[in-house]
Amino acid sequence: MPYTWKTKIDVDETIVVIMSVLDKHPDLPNWLIVTIIGSISGSDKKMVKYFFNEVEKHAPSALKYFESTQ
């Protein structure tokens, strides 16, 4: 079951996970991509917009994994 973002802190935690994984590996694992796509689908549009803004700021190389969900 995907995680639903209810606050900016929920999104921030996701961004930290993305950044941490990308610091150690060149790509995000499939399980993480699927989980985040589920969060994008199930969360309020404001939280989704915040997610994309934060990814663009802190982990722009990860945008490619989620472009199809915008």
Protein backbone atom coordinates (compact mmCIF):
# COMPACT_ATOMS: atom_id res chain seq x y z
CA MET A 1 0.00 0.00 0.00
CA PRO A 2 1.49 3.37 -0.99
CA TYR A 3 2.27 5.99 1.60
CA THR A 4 0.01 9.07 1.45
CA TRP A 5 1.68 12.43 2.04
CA LYS A 6 -0.38 14.47 4.47
CA THR A 7 2.17 17.13 5.42
CA LYS A 8 5.26 18.74 3.96
CA ILE A 9 7.28 16.78 6.51
CA ASP A 10 6.05 13.54 4.88
CA VAL A 11 7.30 14.81 1.53
CA ASP A 12 10.57 16.03 3.05
CA GLU A 13 11.22 12.55 4.44
CA THR A 14 10.71 11.11 0.96
CA ILE A 15 13.16 13.62 -0.50
CA VAL A 16 15.75 12.66 2.12
CA VAL A 17 15.35 9.00 1.19
CA ILE A 18 15.77 9.80 -2.51
CA MET A 19 18.88 11.87 -1.83
CA SER A 20 20.36 9.20 0.41
CA VAL A 21 19.83 6.44 -2.14
CA LEU A 22 21.27 8.54 -4.96
CA ASP A 23 24.34 9.31 -2.84
CA LYS A 24 25.10 5.58 -2.74
CA HIS A 25 23.71 4.32 -6.07
CA PRO A 26 23.33 5.77 -9.56
CA ASP A 27 19.65 4.80 -9.81
CA LEU A 28 16.62 4.50 -7.58
CA PRO A 29 15.46 0.93 -6.92
CA ASN A 30 12.21 -0.15 -8.51
CA TRP A 31 10.45 -0.70 -5.16
CA LEU A 32 11.12 2.93 -4.19
CA ILE A 33 9.94 4.28 -7.55
CA VAL A 34 6.72 2.26 -7.33
CA THR A 35 6.11 3.40 -3.75
CA ILE A 36 6.65 7.08 -4.61
CA ILE A 37 4.45 6.85 -7.70
CA GLY A 38 1.75 5.43 -5.43
CA SER A 39 2.25 8.36 -3.08
CA ILE A 40 1.96 10.78 -5.98
CA SER A 41 -1.29 9.12 -7.07
CA GLY A 42 -2.84 9.03 -3.61
CA SER A 43 -1.82 12.36 -2.14
CA ASP A 44 -3.30 15.84 -2.23
CA LYS A 45 -2.28 17.87 -5.28
CA LYS A 46 -0.58 20.48 -3.07
CA MET A 47 1.67 17.82 -1.56
CA VAL A 48 2.44 16.45 -5.03
CA LYS A 49 3.35 19.91 -6.30
CA TYR A 50 5.57 20.40 -3.25
CA PHE A 51 7.20 17.01 -3.93
CA PHE A 52 8.12 17.95 -7.49
CA ASN A 53 9.43 21.36 -6.41
CA GLU A 54 11.61 19.75 -3.76
CA VAL A 55 12.90 17.02 -6.07
CA GLU A 56 13.82 19.67 -8.60
CA LYS A 57 15.76 21.59 -5.93
CA HIS A 58 17.48 18.73 -4.11
CA ALA A 59 17.61 15.72 -6.45
CA PRO A 60 16.92 16.86 -10.02
CA SER A 61 18.38 13.65 -11.45
CA ALA A 62 15.44 11.78 -9.90
CA LEU A 63 12.81 13.70 -11.87
CA LYS A 64 13.14 11.28 -14.77
CA TYR A 65 11.57 8.53 -12.64
CA PHE A 66 8.39 10.51 -12.02
CA GLU A 67 7.89 12.63 -15.13
CA SER A 68 5.10 10.42 -16.44
CA THR A 69 3.06 11.14 -13.30
CA GLN A 70 3.00 14.94 -13.74
